[in-house]
């Protein structure tokens, strides 16, 4: 009987609207105060290579998913709280991998065992800068 289907649909739509409104970046900006730089929600796979003193720790490399970008930074969604200070971030681009050196700025719990790790992007790397990174790919 389809008599009450509309009520279920409205309940689902109402919940989804509340969920989106409570997690909308524009709404958060109004509550927390405006950010100096805008963010773009974009989900990409990133190759993360932790580093020490600008040296890649290739054996500790892992993949993560981006949450958002700014012109100088990126936030990654991680399934554990990693205490990274710096890393090399690789993104699939133009048929290859483009590498950026980044410094960790903030680690925040997202809930459900996930964490957001924010990086400030420091430097774009040339293909031959770190030969050990050239061996890594997606």
C-alpha atoms as a PDB file:
ATOM      1  CA  UNK A   1       0.000   0.000   0.000  1.00  0.00           C
ATOM      2  CA  UNK A   2       1.550   3.273  -1.147  1.00  0.00           C
ATOM      3  CA  UNK A   3      -0.584   5.518   1.029  1.00  0.00           C
ATOM      4  CA  UNK A   4       2.243   6.474   3.437  1.00  0.00           C
ATOM      5  CA  UNK A   5       5.189   6.485   1.015  1.00  0.00           C
ATOM      6  CA  UNK A   6       5.201  10.282   0.847  1.00  0.00           C
ATOM      7  CA  UNK A   7       5.736  10.545   4.622  1.00  0.00           C
ATOM      8  CA  UNK A   8       8.760   8.242   4.466  1.00  0.00           C
ATOM      9  CA  UNK A   9      10.181  10.189   1.522  1.00  0.00           C
ATOM     10  CA  UNK A  10       9.712  13.481   3.385  1.00  0.00           C
ATOM     11  CA  UNK A  11      11.386  12.045   6.487  1.00  0.00           C
ATOM     12  CA  UNK A  12      14.388  10.905   4.442  1.00  0.00           C
ATOM     13  CA  UNK A  13      14.614  14.251   2.645  1.00  0.00           C
ATOM     14  CA  UNK A  14      14.337  16.120   5.940  1.00  0.00           C
ATOM     15  CA  UNK A  15      17.163  14.105   7.486  1.00  0.00           C
ATOM     16  CA  UNK A  16      19.441  14.521   4.456  1.00  0.00           C
ATOM     17  CA  UNK A  17      18.827  18.287   4.450  1.00  0.00           C
ATOM     18  CA  UNK A  18      19.667  18.524   8.160  1.00  0.00           C
ATOM     19  CA  UNK A  19      22.795  16.426   7.623  1.00  0.00           C
ATOM     20  CA  UNK A  20      23.965  18.595   4.728  1.00  0.00           C
ATOM     21  CA  UNK A  21      23.145  21.871   6.461  1.00  0.00           C
ATOM     22  CA  UNK A  22      25.026  20.856   9.612  1.00  0.00           C
ATOM     23  CA  UNK A  23      28.101  19.880   7.608  1.00  0.00           C
ATOM     24  CA  UNK A  24      28.046  22.569   4.922  1.00  0.00           C
ATOM     25  CA  UNK A  25      31.344  24.524   4.769  1.00  0.00           C
ATOM     26  CA  UNK A  26      29.479  27.787   4.154  1.00  0.00           C
ATOM     27  CA  UNK A  27      27.437  27.328   7.328  1.00  0.00           C
ATOM     28  CA  UNK A  28      30.532  26.445   9.380  1.00  0.00           C
ATOM     29  CA  UNK A  29      32.215  29.633   8.158  1.00  0.00           C
ATOM     30  CA  UNK A  30      29.333  31.691   9.517  1.00  0.00           C
ATOM     31  CA  UNK A  31      29.503  29.944  12.890  1.00  0.00           C
ATOM     32  CA  UNK A  32      33.304  29.867  13.267  1.00  0.00           C
ATOM     33  CA  UNK A  33      34.022  33.151  11.537  1.00  0.00           C
ATOM     34  CA  UNK A  34      35.172  33.568   7.952  1.00  0.00           C
ATOM     35  CA  UNK A  35      38.372  31.854   6.846  1.00  0.00           C
ATOM     36  CA  UNK A  36      41.011  33.981   5.228  1.00  0.00           C
ATOM     37  CA  UNK A  37      41.106  31.597   2.286  1.00  0.00           C
ATOM     38  CA  UNK A  38      38.307  29.675   0.622  1.00  0.00           C
ATOM     39  CA  UNK A  39      38.113  25.882   0.517  1.00  0.00           C
ATOM     40  CA  UNK A  40      37.036  23.559  -2.258  1.00  0.00           C
ATOM     41  CA  UNK A  41      35.543  20.190  -1.381  1.00  0.00           C
ATOM     42  CA  UNK A  42      37.275  17.687  -3.645  1.00  0.00           C
ATOM     43  CA  UNK A  43      37.832  13.976  -3.184  1.00  0.00           C
ATOM     44  CA  UNK A  44      40.999  12.579  -4.765  1.00  0.00           C
ATOM     45  CA  UNK A  45      43.340   9.748  -3.881  1.00  0.00           C
ATOM     46  CA  UNK A  46      46.656  11.002  -2.512  1.00  0.00           C
ATOM     47  CA  UNK A  47      49.858   9.058  -2.037  1.00  0.00           C
ATOM     48  CA  UNK A  48      51.361  10.088   1.309  1.00  0.00           C
ATOM     49  CA  UNK A  49      55.042   9.545   2.030  1.00  0.00           C
ATOM     50  CA  UNK A  50      56.032  10.625   5.550  1.00  0.00           C
ATOM     51  CA  UNK A  51      59.373  12.420   5.754  1.00  0.00           C
ATOM     52  CA  UNK A  52      62.033  13.546   8.203  1.00  0.00           C
ATOM     53  CA  UNK A  53      64.333  16.475   7.467  1.00  0.00           C
ATOM     54  CA  UNK A  54      62.995  16.589   3.886  1.00  0.00           C
ATOM     55  CA  UNK A  55      63.938  12.926   3.315  1.00  0.00           C
ATOM     56  CA  UNK A  56      61.106  10.606   2.182  1.00  0.00           C
ATOM     57  CA  UNK A  57      60.403   7.524   4.305  1.00  0.00           C
ATOM     58  CA  UNK A  58      59.243   5.460   1.335  1.00  0.00           C
ATOM     59  CA  UNK A  59      58.595   2.281   3.360  1.00  0.00           C
ATOM     60  CA  UNK A  60      55.968   4.156   5.385  1.00  0.00           C
ATOM     61  CA  UNK A  61      54.021   5.329   2.315  1.00  0.00           C
ATOM     62  CA  UNK A  62      50.238   4.954   2.287  1.00  0.00           C
ATOM     63  CA  UNK A  63      47.225   6.231   0.397  1.00  0.00           C
ATOM     64  CA  UNK A  64      44.570   8.579   1.738  1.00  0.00           C
ATOM     65  CA  UNK A  65      41.588  10.520   0.432  1.00  0.00           C
ATOM     66  CA  UNK A  66      41.441  14.298   0.217  1.00  0.00           C
ATOM     67  CA  UNK A  67      38.589  16.138   1.875  1.00  0.00           C
ATOM     68  CA  UNK A  68      39.177  19.705   0.772  1.00  0.00           C
ATOM     69  CA  UNK A  69      41.752  22.003  -0.822  1.00  0.00           C
ATOM     70  CA  UNK A  70      42.765  25.625  -0.541  1.00  0.00           C
ATOM     71  CA  UNK A  71      45.359  27.320  -2.721  1.00  0.00           C
ATOM     72  CA  UNK A  72      48.021  26.597  -0.099  1.00  0.00           C
ATOM     73  CA  UNK A  73      46.757  23.508   1.662  1.00  0.00           C
ATOM     74  CA  UNK A  74      44.907  20.224   1.661  1.00  0.00           C
ATOM     75  CA  UNK A  75      42.991  18.223   4.250  1.00  0.00           C
ATOM     76  CA  UNK A  76      43.203  14.437   4.153  1.00  0.00           C
ATOM     77  CA  UNK A  77      40.761  11.956   5.697  1.00  0.00           C
ATOM     78  CA  UNK A  78      42.649   9.216   7.558  1.00  0.00           C
ATOM     79  CA  UNK A  79      41.491   6.087   9.362  1.00  0.00           C
ATOM     80  CA  UNK A  80      43.968   6.596  12.226  1.00  0.00           C
ATOM     81  CA  UNK A  81      45.547   9.479  14.116  1.00  0.00           C
ATOM     82  CA  UNK A  82      48.998   9.801  12.582  1.00  0.00           C
ATOM     83  CA  UNK A  83      51.499  12.152  14.165  1.00  0.00           C
ATOM     84  CA  UNK A  84      53.114  13.356  10.952  1.00  0.00           C
ATOM     85  CA  UNK A  85      55.107  16.582  10.906  1.00  0.00           C
ATOM     86  CA  UNK A  86      55.909  16.600   7.223  1.00  0.00           C
ATOM     87  CA  UNK A  87      55.239  14.480   4.163  1.00  0.00           C
ATOM     88  CA  UNK A  88      55.450  14.256   0.410  1.00  0.00           C
ATOM     89  CA  UNK A  89      52.002  14.162  -1.205  1.00  0.00           C
ATOM     90  CA  UNK A  90      51.561  12.624  -4.632  1.00  0.00           C
ATOM     91  CA  UNK A  91      48.572  13.278  -6.873  1.00  0.00           C
ATOM     92  CA  UNK A  92      47.744  11.600 -10.157  1.00  0.00           C
ATOM     93  CA  UNK A  93      48.031  14.298 -12.798  1.00  0.00           C
ATOM     94  CA  UNK A  94      48.758  14.433 -16.509  1.00  0.00           C
ATOM     95  CA  UNK A  95      49.409  10.724 -16.856  1.00  0.00           C
ATOM     96  CA  UNK A  96      51.906  10.659 -13.982  1.00  0.00           C
ATOM     97  CA  UNK A  97      52.284  11.620 -10.347  1.00  0.00           C
ATOM     98  CA  UNK A  98      52.872  15.223  -9.273  1.00  0.00           C
ATOM     99  CA  UNK A  99      54.638  15.520  -5.905  1.00  0.00           C
ATOM    100  CA  UNK A 100      54.333  18.308  -3.340  1.00  0.00           C
ATOM    101  CA  UNK A 101      56.221  18.723  -0.081  1.00  0.00           C
ATOM    102  CA  UNK A 102      53.884  19.533   2.814  1.00  0.00           C
ATOM    103  CA  UNK A 103      53.965  20.360   6.523  1.00  0.00           C
ATOM    104  CA  UNK A 104      51.270  19.024   8.829  1.00  0.00           C
ATOM    105  CA  UNK A 105      49.295  21.767  10.568  1.00  0.00           C
ATOM    106  CA  UNK A 106      46.323  20.222  12.349  1.00  0.00           C
ATOM    107  CA  UNK A 107      44.922  16.812  13.249  1.00  0.00           C
ATOM    108  CA  UNK A 108      41.225  16.710  14.183  1.00  0.00           C
ATOM    109  CA  UNK A 109      38.883  13.805  14.932  1.00  0.00           C
ATOM    110  CA  UNK A 110      36.012  13.473  12.465  1.00  0.00           C
ATOM    111  CA  UNK A 111      34.167  10.729  14.347  1.00  0.00           C
ATOM    112  CA  UNK A 112      33.777   7.029  13.659  1.00  0.00           C
ATOM    113  CA  UNK A 113      37.520   6.471  13.980  1.00  0.00           C
ATOM    114  CA  UNK A 114      38.422   8.915  11.186  1.00  0.00           C
ATOM    115  CA  UNK A 115      40.699  11.943  11.415  1.00  0.00           C
ATOM    116  CA  UNK A 116      41.273  15.019   9.294  1.00  0.00           C
ATOM    117  CA  UNK A 117      44.927  15.924   8.813  1.00  0.00           C
ATOM    118  CA  UNK A 118      45.537  19.387   7.401  1.00  0.00           C
ATOM    119  CA  UNK A 119      48.712  20.145   5.476  1.00  0.00           C
ATOM    120  CA  UNK A 120      50.239  23.404   4.303  1.00  0.00           C
ATOM    121  CA  UNK A 121      51.683  22.827   0.836  1.00  0.00           C
ATOM    122  CA  UNK A 122      55.264  24.084   0.824  1.00  0.00           C
ATOM    123  CA  UNK A 123      56.874  23.180  -2.486  1.00  0.00           C
ATOM    124  CA  UNK A 124      56.109  21.596  -5.842  1.00  0.00           C
ATOM    125  CA  UNK A 125      58.799  19.086  -6.748  1.00  0.00           C
ATOM    126  CA  UNK A 126      60.465  18.525 -10.093  1.00  0.00           C
ATOM    127  CA  UNK A 127      60.533  14.987 -11.488  1.00  0.00           C
ATOM    128  CA  UNK A 128      64.181  14.333 -10.613  1.00  0.00           C
ATOM    129  CA  UNK A 129      64.279  15.954  -7.153  1.00  0.00           C
ATOM    130  CA  UNK A 130      63.636  12.703  -5.290  1.00  0.00           C
ATOM    131  CA  UNK A 131      64.325   9.606  -7.449  1.00  0.00           C
ATOM    132  CA  UNK A 132      62.929   7.322  -4.739  1.00  0.00           C
ATOM    133  CA  UNK A 133      59.522   8.946  -5.164  1.00  0.00           C
ATOM    134  CA  UNK A 134      59.577   8.326  -8.921  1.00  0.00           C
ATOM    135  CA  UNK A 135      59.330   4.589  -8.204  1.00  0.00           C
ATOM    136  CA  UNK A 136      56.022   5.041  -6.412  1.00  0.00           C
ATOM    137  CA  UNK A 137      52.718   5.269  -8.228  1.00  0.00           C
ATOM    138  CA  UNK A 138      49.051   4.522  -8.011  1.00  0.00           C
END
